[in-house]
Amino acid sequence: MSQQVSISELRARLKPRQRLLGMDPGTKTIGLALSDTTLMIATPMEIIRRKRFKDDAARIQQIVDEQNVGGFVIGWPVNMDGSLGPRCQSVQAFSENLAKVFDLPQTLWDERLSTSAVERTLLEADSSRAKRKDVIDKMAAAYILQGALHAI
């Protein structure tokens, strides 16, 4: 099925007007963000409350079909020193499971500091703790996706 590719290879495999779906997979949720068709802007989309992978993949399939998604950008939680910790193993397993279901290219994108950058932005906007909790994962997915779009 799909495979991990570089960001330039991901871009080369997209058909005209296809979008990228950004993902910030955590243990309890998956934050999702969607690019526009010109691959310039990432927009926070939704949060999937994780259940079974089969259920999560079914929701992702709906989005792929409805939004003309041509590839995935998945947050890669590299440690600050550049080493790969247990969270990277979890994301790698998630990526491999996606590859079994979707015939779409995907890239892992370094997400260091994405959640803290988004949380800082929300704090500056005087967002309540409850509201931050409801949006932080999809905002982090947008931050990750936007970084990849800048690289494209």
Protein backbone atom coordinates (compact mmCIF):
# COMPACT_ATOMS: atom_id res chain seq x y z
CA MET A 1 0.00 0.00 0.00
CA SER A 2 1.30 3.47 0.89
CA GLN A 3 4.80 4.25 1.96
CA GLN A 4 6.75 6.90 3.77
CA VAL A 5 8.35 9.37 1.40
CA SER A 6 10.24 12.65 1.62
CA ILE A 7 8.26 15.89 1.59
CA SER A 8 9.34 16.61 -2.01
CA GLU A 9 8.30 13.12 -3.10
CA LEU A 10 4.97 13.57 -1.33
CA ARG A 11 4.40 16.78 -3.27
CA ALA A 12 5.37 15.13 -6.56
CA ARG A 13 2.83 12.34 -6.03
CA LEU A 14 -0.13 14.64 -5.51
CA LYS A 15 -2.54 15.16 -8.37
CA PRO A 16 -3.71 18.71 -9.12
CA ARG A 17 -6.05 20.13 -6.46
CA GLN A 18 -5.46 17.30 -3.99
CA ARG A 19 -5.07 18.21 -0.34
CA LEU A 20 -2.82 16.96 2.43
CA LEU A 21 -4.18 15.73 5.73
CA GLY A 22 -2.02 16.59 8.72
CA MET A 23 -2.17 14.35 11.77
CA ASP A 24 -0.97 14.71 15.34
CA PRO A 25 -1.46 11.21 16.75
CA GLY A 26 -1.53 10.95 20.53
CA THR A 27 -2.47 8.16 22.87
CA LYS A 28 -6.06 9.37 23.36
CA THR A 29 -6.72 11.56 20.32
CA ILE A 30 -5.64 12.25 16.77
CA GLY A 31 -5.60 15.93 15.85
CA LEU A 32 -6.40 16.56 12.19
CA ALA A 33 -5.73 19.49 9.90
CA LEU A 34 -6.36 19.96 6.20
CA SER A 35 -4.43 21.90 3.58
CA ASP A 36 -6.11 23.98 0.94
CA THR A 37 -5.90 22.77 -2.67
CA THR A 38 -3.01 25.13 -3.43
CA LEU A 39 -0.94 23.62 -0.58
CA MET A 40 -0.41 27.02 1.03
CA ILE A 41 -2.58 27.05 4.15
CA ALA A 42 -3.20 24.46 6.87
CA THR A 43 -6.51 24.67 8.71
CA PRO A 44 -7.33 22.86 11.96
CA MET A 45 -10.10 20.38 11.24
CA GLU A 46 -11.15 18.07 14.06
CA ILE A 47 -10.08 15.72 16.81
CA ILE A 48 -10.70 12.00 16.65
CA ARG A 49 -11.16 10.45 20.09
CA ARG A 50 -9.19 7.25 19.63
CA LYS A 51 -11.01 3.95 19.94
CA ARG A 52 -9.98 0.99 17.84
CA PHE A 53 -7.71 1.67 14.87
CA LYS A 54 -10.43 0.32 12.58
CA ASP A 55 -12.83 3.05 13.80
CA ASP A 56 -10.17 5.76 13.53
CA ALA A 57 -9.31 4.63 9.99
CA ALA A 58 -12.99 4.68 8.99
CA ARG A 59 -13.25 8.38 9.97
CA ILE A 60 -9.99 9.16 8.18
CA GLN A 61 -11.36 7.35 5.08
CA GLN A 62 -14.44 9.59 5.14
CA ILE A 63 -12.24 12.68 5.20
CA VAL A 64 -9.99 11.34 2.43
CA ASP A 65 -13.04 10.74 0.24
CA GLU A 66 -14.89 13.98 1.05
CA GLN A 67 -11.88 16.31 0.89
CA ASN A 68 -9.85 14.84 -2.01
CA VAL A 69 -6.88 14.01 0.20
CA GLY A 70 -3.82 12.79 -1.70
CA GLY A 71 -1.35 12.24 1.15
CA PHE A 72 -0.65 12.41 4.86
CA VAL A 73 1.74 14.50 6.96
CA ILE A 74 2.14 12.81 10.33
CA GLY A 75 3.71 14.51 13.34
CA TRP A 76 6.97 12.79 14.31
CA PRO A 77 7.66 13.36 18.03
CA VAL A 78 11.46 13.49 17.97
CA ASN A 79 13.11 14.25 21.33
CA MET A 80 14.72 17.67 21.72
CA ASP A 81 18.19 16.10 21.35
CA GLY A 82 17.14 14.48 18.04
CA SER A 83 16.84 10.96 19.45
CA LEU A 84 13.82 8.75 18.87
CA GLY A 85 11.89 7.80 21.98
CA PRO A 86 8.94 5.52 22.73
CA ARG A 87 6.44 8.02 21.28
CA CYS A 88 8.23 7.73 17.93
CA GLN A 89 7.71 3.96 18.04
CA SER A 90 4.00 4.51 18.65
CA VAL A 91 3.73 6.96 15.72
CA GLN A 92 5.73 4.58 13.51
CA ALA A 93 3.23 1.80 14.31
CA PHE A 94 0.34 4.20 13.56
CA SER A 95 1.98 5.11 10.23
CA GLU A 96 2.46 1.44 9.34
CA ASN A 97 -1.18 0.71 10.16
CA LEU A 98 -2.28 3.60 7.93
CA ALA A 99 -0.12 2.21 5.14
CA LYS A 100 -2.01 -1.10 5.32
CA VAL A 101 -5.34 0.68 4.80
CA PHE A 102 -4.58 3.66 2.54
CA ASP A 103 -2.77 3.68 -0.79
CA LEU A 104 -1.54 7.22 -0.19
CA PRO A 105 1.97 8.56 0.30
CA GLN A 106 2.86 9.85 3.75
CA THR A 107 5.70 11.68 5.37
CA LEU A 108 6.72 11.93 9.00
CA TRP A 109 7.30 15.57 9.96
CA ASP A 110 9.38 16.67 12.94
CA GLU A 111 6.90 18.10 15.42
CA ARG A 112 9.29 19.28 18.14
CA LEU A 113 7.71 22.11 20.09
CA SER A 114 4.48 22.11 18.05
CA THR A 115 2.19 21.56 21.03
CA SER A 116 4.02 24.06 23.21
CA ALA A 117 3.99 26.67 20.41
CA VAL A 118 0.24 26.22 19.96
CA GLU A 119 -0.38 26.30 23.70
CA ARG A 120 1.61 29.54 23.97
CA THR A 121 -0.51 31.05 21.17
CA LEU A 122 -3.73 29.98 22.89
CA LEU A 123 -2.53 31.39 26.22
CA GLU A 124 -1.72 34.69 24.53
CA ALA A 125 -5.26 34.68 23.14
CA ASP A 126 -6.47 34.28 26.74
CA SER A 127 -8.10 30.94 25.97
CA SER A 128 -9.48 29.05 28.97
CA ARG A 129 -7.93 25.73 30.03
CA ALA A 130 -11.08 23.84 28.95
CA LYS A 131 -11.11 25.51 25.54
CA ARG A 132 -7.37 24.87 25.04
CA LYS A 133 -7.93 21.18 25.82
CA ASP A 134 -10.66 21.02 23.15
CA VAL A 135 -8.59 22.55 20.35
CA ILE A 136 -4.91 21.96 21.06
CA ASP A 137 -4.57 18.67 19.16
CA LYS A 138 -6.11 19.95 15.93
CA MET A 139 -4.16 23.21 16.26
CA ALA A 140 -0.94 21.19 16.70
CA ALA A 141 -1.85 19.17 13.58
CA ALA A 142 -2.26 22.45 11.67
CA TYR A 143 1.09 23.71 12.99
CA ILE A 144 2.78 20.47 11.84
CA LEU A 145 1.07 20.57 8.44
CA GLN A 146 1.89 24.25 7.95
CA GLY A 147 5.58 23.51 8.55
CA ALA A 148 5.47 20.83 5.87
CA LEU A 149 3.62 23.16 3.47
CA HIS A 150 6.35 25.79 3.96
CA ALA A 151 8.92 23.16 3.04
CA ILE A 152 7.01 22.32 -0.14
